[in-house]
Each structure stands twice: as structure tokens, then as C-alpha cells.
Amino acid sequence: MKILVVDDEADVQPLFSMRFRKEIRSHELEFDFALSGAEALEYLKQKHSEVVLILSDINMPGMSGIELLHSIRHEYGTAKPVIMMVTAYGDEENRRQATQNGANDFLTKPLDFNLLKEKLKTLPA
């Protein structure tokens, strides 16, 4: 399963690599990373059909995660990929905007990796 993680914090990549080491080694999961919404959209132009899940931070400089979500849903529809929004803020306004723009789920930071792993089991490969 290919997962695109969109977050402006560079330390996210080694964190995911460490937390999902076993799944990456067994080729169960494959992660790619984008440091901005614009970078994520460029990536999707090439690999949209391969991506099963996008985990996107909401608060990023430039294009926010909500704007990215809106662009993806406008360009590719709501069927695929699954999009989970991730934010340090669990407030209702972010949740409402994420849901309104087609988010499939909403996670808060610090990310509960055990919960994320459980959610991944319910997704199609």
C-alpha cells in the first residue's frame, strides 16, 4: 500500500520510517513524503493511481492541508485516495472544514501510531 505523507516538518520522515520499519521491510507499506501542498500535487500528477492513502498536516505554510484536500478532491474526486487530515489542533472548526472538503478521517498530533496502524488495516491494499 502506497502512502503519501504531507507535512512541512522534515522530522516526520524518519519518525514514520522508524514506526513502520517492519511493514516497510516486508513491502506491506510504502511511504513517500512531500514537504508542502504544492509538492504533494506535483507528486500526485505522476502517481495518483498508486496512492491509497494521503496523511496530510492541516497547518502548513503556503498551501494549507485544507486547501490541498480541496484541490485533490476537485481534481480526482472522492473515491480514491483515502485522505486523513493530521493536525496539532483538535478544534471543531478544523474538523468541520476537513469533513466538508472530503476528508475521510481526522487525526491529532502527537500521532497515535497504534491507532493509525489499526486504521490502515481497514483500507484496501
N, C-alpha and C. Protein backbone atom coordinates (compact mmCIF):
# COMPACT_ATOMS: atom_id res chain seq x y z
N MET A 1 0.85 -1.17 0.00
CA MET A 1 0.00 0.00 0.00
C MET A 1 0.89 1.23 0.00
N LYS A 2 0.65 2.12 -0.95
CA LYS A 2 1.45 3.35 -1.04
C LYS A 2 0.74 4.47 -0.27
N ILE A 3 1.51 5.12 0.62
CA ILE A 3 1.01 6.19 1.46
C ILE A 3 1.85 7.44 1.21
N LEU A 4 1.18 8.56 0.96
CA LEU A 4 1.86 9.84 0.82
C LEU A 4 1.63 10.64 2.10
N VAL A 5 2.71 11.02 2.75
CA VAL A 5 2.64 11.84 3.97
C VAL A 5 3.04 13.26 3.58
N VAL A 6 2.15 14.21 3.88
CA VAL A 6 2.39 15.62 3.54
C VAL A 6 2.51 16.41 4.84
N ASP A 7 3.71 16.89 5.11
CA ASP A 7 3.96 17.64 6.34
C ASP A 7 5.19 18.50 6.13
N ASP A 8 5.13 19.76 6.56
CA ASP A 8 6.25 20.68 6.37
C ASP A 8 7.39 20.42 7.35
N GLU A 9 7.21 19.55 8.32
CA GLU A 9 8.28 19.23 9.28
C GLU A 9 9.11 18.06 8.75
N ALA A 10 10.39 18.29 8.54
CA ALA A 10 11.27 17.28 7.95
C ALA A 10 11.47 16.06 8.85
N ASP A 11 11.28 16.21 10.16
CA ASP A 11 11.50 15.08 11.07
C ASP A 11 10.39 14.03 11.00
N VAL A 12 9.36 14.27 10.23
CA VAL A 12 8.26 13.31 10.09
C VAL A 12 8.74 12.06 9.34
N GLN A 13 9.57 12.24 8.33
CA GLN A 13 10.02 11.09 7.53
C GLN A 13 10.77 10.05 8.36
N PRO A 14 11.79 10.42 9.13
CA PRO A 14 12.46 9.39 9.93
C PRO A 14 11.54 8.78 11.00
N LEU A 15 10.61 9.55 11.51
CA LEU A 15 9.67 9.05 12.51
C LEU A 15 8.79 7.94 11.91
N PHE A 16 8.23 8.17 10.73
CA PHE A 16 7.41 7.15 10.07
C PHE A 16 8.26 5.94 9.70
N SER A 17 9.47 6.19 9.23
CA SER A 17 10.36 5.08 8.86
C SER A 17 10.66 4.19 10.06
N MET A 18 10.83 4.80 11.21
CA MET A 18 11.12 4.05 12.42
C MET A 18 9.87 3.29 12.91
N ARG A 19 8.72 3.97 12.95
CA ARG A 19 7.49 3.38 13.48
C ARG A 19 6.91 2.27 12.60
N PHE A 20 7.22 2.33 11.29
CA PHE A 20 6.68 1.34 10.35
C PHE A 20 7.79 0.51 9.72
N ARG A 21 8.89 0.37 10.41
CA ARG A 21 10.06 -0.35 9.90
C ARG A 21 9.70 -1.76 9.41
N LYS A 22 8.98 -2.51 10.23
CA LYS A 22 8.62 -3.89 9.89
C LYS A 22 7.75 -3.93 8.63
N GLU A 23 6.74 -3.07 8.56
CA GLU A 23 5.83 -3.04 7.42
C GLU A 23 6.53 -2.58 6.14
N ILE A 24 7.50 -1.70 6.28
CA ILE A 24 8.26 -1.23 5.11
C ILE A 24 9.16 -2.35 4.60
N ARG A 25 9.86 -3.02 5.52
CA ARG A 25 10.75 -4.13 5.13
C ARG A 25 10.00 -5.26 4.43
N SER A 26 8.80 -5.55 4.90
CA SER A 26 8.01 -6.65 4.32
C SER A 26 7.25 -6.20 3.06
N HIS A 27 7.45 -4.95 2.67
CA HIS A 27 6.79 -4.36 1.49
C HIS A 27 5.27 -4.30 1.63
N GLU A 28 4.80 -4.35 2.87
CA GLU A 28 3.38 -4.21 3.16
C GLU A 28 2.95 -2.75 2.94
N LEU A 29 3.84 -1.83 3.34
CA LEU A 29 3.58 -0.40 3.19
C LEU A 29 4.76 0.26 2.50
N GLU A 30 4.44 1.28 1.71
CA GLU A 30 5.48 2.10 1.08
C GLU A 30 5.11 3.56 1.32
N PHE A 31 6.05 4.32 1.87
CA PHE A 31 5.80 5.72 2.18
C PHE A 31 6.57 6.62 1.24
N ASP A 32 5.91 7.68 0.79
CA ASP A 32 6.56 8.78 0.11
C ASP A 32 6.18 10.03 0.89
N PHE A 33 7.02 11.06 0.77
CA PHE A 33 6.83 12.26 1.59
C PHE A 33 6.88 13.52 0.74
N ALA A 34 6.03 14.48 1.09
CA ALA A 34 6.03 15.79 0.47
C ALA A 34 6.08 16.82 1.59
N LEU A 35 6.88 17.86 1.40
CA LEU A 35 7.05 18.87 2.44
C LEU A 35 6.08 20.05 2.31
N SER A 36 5.23 20.00 1.27
CA SER A 36 4.26 21.08 1.07
C SER A 36 3.08 20.57 0.25
N GLY A 37 2.01 21.35 0.26
CA GLY A 37 0.86 21.00 -0.56
C GLY A 37 1.20 21.01 -2.04
N ALA A 38 1.99 22.02 -2.47
CA ALA A 38 2.38 22.11 -3.87
C ALA A 38 3.20 20.90 -4.30
N GLU A 39 4.11 20.47 -3.44
CA GLU A 39 4.93 19.28 -3.73
C GLU A 39 4.04 18.03 -3.81
N ALA A 40 3.04 17.95 -2.95
CA ALA A 40 2.12 16.81 -2.98
C ALA A 40 1.33 16.77 -4.28
N LEU A 41 0.87 17.93 -4.75
CA LEU A 41 0.11 17.97 -6.00
C LEU A 41 0.98 17.56 -7.19
N GLU A 42 2.24 17.99 -7.19
CA GLU A 42 3.17 17.57 -8.25
C GLU A 42 3.37 16.06 -8.22
N TYR A 43 3.54 15.51 -7.05
CA TYR A 43 3.71 14.07 -6.87
C TYR A 43 2.49 13.34 -7.42
N LEU A 44 1.30 13.82 -7.08
CA LEU A 44 0.07 13.15 -7.49
C LEU A 44 -0.14 13.19 -9.01
N LYS A 45 0.39 14.20 -9.68
CA LYS A 45 0.28 14.24 -11.14
C LYS A 45 0.89 13.00 -11.76
N GLN A 46 1.95 12.49 -11.15
CA GLN A 46 2.65 11.31 -11.67
C GLN A 46 2.13 10.00 -11.10
N LYS A 47 1.73 10.01 -9.82
CA LYS A 47 1.48 8.75 -9.12
C LYS A 47 0.11 8.64 -8.47
N HIS A 48 -0.85 9.43 -8.91
CA HIS A 48 -2.17 9.43 -8.28
C HIS A 48 -2.78 8.03 -8.19
N SER A 49 -2.69 7.27 -9.25
CA SER A 49 -3.34 5.96 -9.27
C SER A 49 -2.68 4.95 -8.33
N GLU A 50 -1.45 5.22 -7.89
CA GLU A 50 -0.75 4.31 -7.00
C GLU A 50 -1.04 4.57 -5.52
N VAL A 51 -1.40 5.81 -5.20
CA VAL A 51 -1.56 6.22 -3.79
C VAL A 51 -2.90 5.75 -3.25
N VAL A 52 -2.85 5.01 -2.15
CA VAL A 52 -4.06 4.51 -1.49
C VAL A 52 -4.49 5.47 -0.39
N LEU A 53 -3.50 6.09 0.30
CA LEU A 53 -3.79 6.95 1.44
C LEU A 53 -2.88 8.17 1.42
N ILE A 54 -3.48 9.31 1.76
CA ILE A 54 -2.71 10.53 1.99
C ILE A 54 -2.94 10.94 3.43
N LEU A 55 -1.85 11.14 4.16
CA LEU A 55 -1.89 11.70 5.51
C LEU A 55 -1.36 13.12 5.38
N SER A 56 -2.21 14.10 5.60
CA SER A 56 -1.79 15.49 5.40
C SER A 56 -1.96 16.32 6.65
N ASP A 57 -0.90 17.03 6.99
CA ASP A 57 -0.96 18.03 8.05
C ASP A 57 -1.92 19.13 7.59
N ILE A 58 -2.61 19.75 8.51
CA ILE A 58 -3.51 20.85 8.14
C ILE A 58 -2.75 22.17 8.10
N ASN A 59 -1.95 22.44 9.13
CA ASN A 59 -1.28 23.73 9.23
C ASN A 59 0.11 23.69 8.62
N MET A 60 0.19 24.19 7.38
CA MET A 60 1.46 24.26 6.66
C MET A 60 1.57 25.63 6.03
N PRO A 61 2.80 26.14 5.88
CA PRO A 61 2.95 27.43 5.20
C PRO A 61 2.60 27.27 3.72
N GLY A 62 2.19 28.37 3.10
CA GLY A 62 1.78 28.30 1.71
C GLY A 62 0.39 27.69 1.64
N MET A 63 0.28 26.57 0.95
CA MET A 63 -1.00 25.88 0.82
C MET A 63 -1.27 25.06 2.08
N SER A 64 -2.41 25.32 2.73
CA SER A 64 -2.76 24.56 3.93
C SER A 64 -3.22 23.16 3.53
N GLY A 65 -3.30 22.28 4.50
CA GLY A 65 -3.80 20.94 4.25
C GLY A 65 -5.25 20.95 3.77
N ILE A 66 -6.04 21.90 4.26
CA ILE A 66 -7.44 22.01 3.82
C ILE A 66 -7.48 22.40 2.35
N GLU A 67 -6.62 23.34 1.94
CA GLU A 67 -6.56 23.74 0.53
C GLU A 67 -6.08 22.59 -0.34
N LEU A 68 -5.11 21.83 0.15
CA LEU A 68 -4.62 20.66 -0.58
C LEU A 68 -5.76 19.65 -0.73
N LEU A 69 -6.46 19.36 0.35
CA LEU A 69 -7.59 18.44 0.34
C LEU A 69 -8.61 18.87 -0.71
N HIS A 70 -8.96 20.14 -0.71
CA HIS A 70 -9.93 20.68 -1.67
C HIS A 70 -9.44 20.47 -3.10
N SER A 71 -8.16 20.76 -3.35
CA SER A 71 -7.59 20.59 -4.70
C SER A 71 -7.63 19.14 -5.15
N ILE A 72 -7.26 18.23 -4.25
CA ILE A 72 -7.25 16.80 -4.60
C ILE A 72 -8.66 16.31 -4.90
N ARG A 73 -9.61 16.68 -4.07
CA ARG A 73 -11.00 16.23 -4.28
C ARG A 73 -11.58 16.84 -5.55
N HIS A 74 -11.21 18.07 -5.85
CA HIS A 74 -11.68 18.73 -7.08
C HIS A 74 -11.09 18.05 -8.31
N GLU A 75 -9.82 17.71 -8.24
CA GLU A 75 -9.11 17.12 -9.38
C GLU A 75 -9.39 15.63 -9.56
N TYR A 76 -9.46 14.88 -8.46
CA TYR A 76 -9.52 13.42 -8.55
C TYR A 76 -10.81 12.80 -8.02
N GLY A 77 -11.71 13.58 -7.46
CA GLY A 77 -12.95 13.03 -6.92
C GLY A 77 -12.77 12.49 -5.51
N THR A 78 -13.80 11.86 -4.99
CA THR A 78 -13.77 11.44 -3.59
C THR A 78 -13.50 9.96 -3.39
N ALA A 79 -13.51 9.17 -4.46
CA ALA A 79 -13.36 7.72 -4.28
C ALA A 79 -11.96 7.33 -3.81
N LYS A 80 -10.93 7.84 -4.44
CA LYS A 80 -9.56 7.47 -4.13
C LYS A 80 -8.67 8.68 -4.31
N PRO A 81 -7.70 8.89 -3.55
CA PRO A 81 -7.26 8.12 -2.40
C PRO A 81 -8.04 8.49 -1.13
N VAL A 82 -7.88 7.66 -0.12
CA VAL A 82 -8.39 7.98 1.21
C VAL A 82 -7.50 9.10 1.75
N ILE A 83 -8.10 10.12 2.36
CA ILE A 83 -7.32 11.23 2.91
C ILE A 83 -7.65 11.40 4.38
N MET A 84 -6.60 11.30 5.20
CA MET A 84 -6.71 11.54 6.63
C MET A 84 -5.95 12.83 6.94
N MET A 85 -6.62 13.75 7.59
CA MET A 85 -6.01 15.02 7.97
C MET A 85 -5.38 14.89 9.35
N VAL A 86 -4.19 15.46 9.50
CA VAL A 86 -3.45 15.39 10.76
C VAL A 86 -3.14 16.81 11.21
N THR A 87 -3.43 17.10 12.47
CA THR A 87 -3.16 18.44 12.98
C THR A 87 -2.86 18.42 14.47
N ALA A 88 -2.16 19.43 14.92
CA ALA A 88 -1.91 19.58 16.35
C ALA A 88 -3.13 20.18 17.04
N TYR A 89 -4.05 20.66 16.23
CA TYR A 89 -5.23 21.32 16.79
C TYR A 89 -6.45 20.44 16.58
N GLY A 90 -7.09 20.03 17.66
CA GLY A 90 -8.25 19.16 17.56
C GLY A 90 -9.55 19.93 17.59
N ASP A 91 -9.51 21.22 17.21
CA ASP A 91 -10.71 22.04 17.34
C ASP A 91 -11.77 21.67 16.29
N GLU A 92 -13.00 22.00 16.60
CA GLU A 92 -14.14 21.66 15.74
C GLU A 92 -14.08 22.34 14.39
N GLU A 93 -13.55 23.55 14.30
CA GLU A 93 -13.51 24.26 13.02
C GLU A 93 -12.64 23.52 12.01
N ASN A 94 -11.46 23.06 12.43
CA ASN A 94 -10.61 22.27 11.52
C ASN A 94 -11.31 20.97 11.13
N ARG A 95 -11.93 20.32 12.08
CA ARG A 95 -12.64 19.07 11.81
C ARG A 95 -13.78 19.31 10.81
N ARG A 96 -14.53 20.38 11.01
CA ARG A 96 -15.65 20.72 10.12
C ARG A 96 -15.15 20.99 8.71
N GLN A 97 -14.10 21.80 8.60
CA GLN A 97 -13.55 22.12 7.28
C GLN A 97 -12.99 20.89 6.59
N ALA A 98 -12.32 20.04 7.32
CA ALA A 98 -11.75 18.81 6.75
C ALA A 98 -12.87 17.90 6.23
N THR A 99 -13.89 17.73 7.04
CA THR A 99 -15.02 16.88 6.65
C THR A 99 -15.75 17.47 5.45
N GLN A 100 -15.98 18.77 5.49
CA GLN A 100 -16.69 19.47 4.42
C GLN A 100 -15.95 19.36 3.08
N ASN A 101 -14.65 19.28 3.13
CA ASN A 101 -13.84 19.23 1.91
C ASN A 101 -13.50 17.79 1.49
N GLY A 102 -14.10 16.81 2.14
CA GLY A 102 -13.95 15.44 1.67
C GLY A 102 -12.94 14.59 2.40
N ALA A 103 -12.50 15.00 3.60
CA ALA A 103 -11.58 14.16 4.37
C ALA A 103 -12.30 12.89 4.82
N ASN A 104 -11.57 11.78 4.81
CA ASN A 104 -12.14 10.52 5.26
C ASN A 104 -11.98 10.31 6.75
N ASP A 105 -10.97 10.98 7.34
CA ASP A 105 -10.71 10.81 8.77
C ASP A 105 -9.90 12.00 9.25
N PHE A 106 -9.78 12.11 10.55
CA PHE A 106 -9.15 13.27 11.17
C PHE A 106 -8.34 12.77 12.36
N LEU A 107 -7.03 12.98 12.34
CA LEU A 107 -6.15 12.54 13.42
C LEU A 107 -5.47 13.75 14.06
N THR A 108 -5.15 13.64 15.35
CA THR A 108 -4.47 14.75 16.02
C THR A 108 -3.04 14.37 16.38
N LYS A 109 -2.21 15.41 16.46
CA LYS A 109 -0.82 15.24 16.89
C LYS A 109 -0.78 15.41 18.39
N PRO A 110 0.10 14.75 19.09
CA PRO A 110 1.05 13.78 18.55
C PRO A 110 0.30 12.54 18.04
N LEU A 111 0.72 12.06 16.91
CA LEU A 111 0.05 10.95 16.25
C LEU A 111 0.15 9.67 17.07
N ASP A 112 -0.98 9.02 17.25
CA ASP A 112 -1.03 7.72 17.92
C ASP A 112 -0.79 6.67 16.83
N PHE A 113 0.44 6.18 16.72
CA PHE A 113 0.81 5.25 15.66
C PHE A 113 0.08 3.91 15.77
N ASN A 114 -0.25 3.49 16.98
CA ASN A 114 -1.02 2.25 17.13
C ASN A 114 -2.43 2.42 16.55
N LEU A 115 -3.04 3.56 16.79
CA LEU A 115 -4.36 3.85 16.23
C LEU A 115 -4.26 3.92 14.70
N LEU A 116 -3.24 4.58 14.20
CA LEU A 116 -3.05 4.67 12.74
C LEU A 116 -2.88 3.28 12.13
N LYS A 117 -2.10 2.43 12.76
CA LYS A 117 -1.91 1.07 12.25
C LYS A 117 -3.23 0.31 12.21
N GLU A 118 -4.08 0.51 13.20
CA GLU A 118 -5.39 -0.13 13.21
C GLU A 118 -6.24 0.38 12.05
N LYS A 119 -6.21 1.67 11.82
CA LYS A 119 -6.99 2.27 10.73
C LYS A 119 -6.48 1.76 9.37
N LEU A 120 -5.18 1.57 9.25
CA LEU A 120 -4.60 1.10 7.98
C LEU A 120 -5.10 -0.30 7.63
N LYS A 121 -5.38 -1.10 8.63
CA LYS A 121 -5.87 -2.47 8.39
C LYS A 121 -7.23 -2.48 7.70
N THR A 122 -7.98 -1.41 7.80
CA THR A 122 -9.32 -1.36 7.20
C THR A 122 -9.31 -0.84 5.77
N LEU A 123 -8.14 -0.38 5.29
CA LEU A 123 -8.05 0.17 3.94
C LEU A 123 -7.75 -0.90 2.92
N PRO A 124 -8.24 -0.72 1.68
CA PRO A 124 -7.87 -1.67 0.62
C PRO A 124 -6.40 -1.50 0.27
N ALA A 125 -5.72 -2.57 -0.05
CA ALA A 125 -4.28 -2.51 -0.36
C ALA A 125 -4.03 -1.88 -1.71
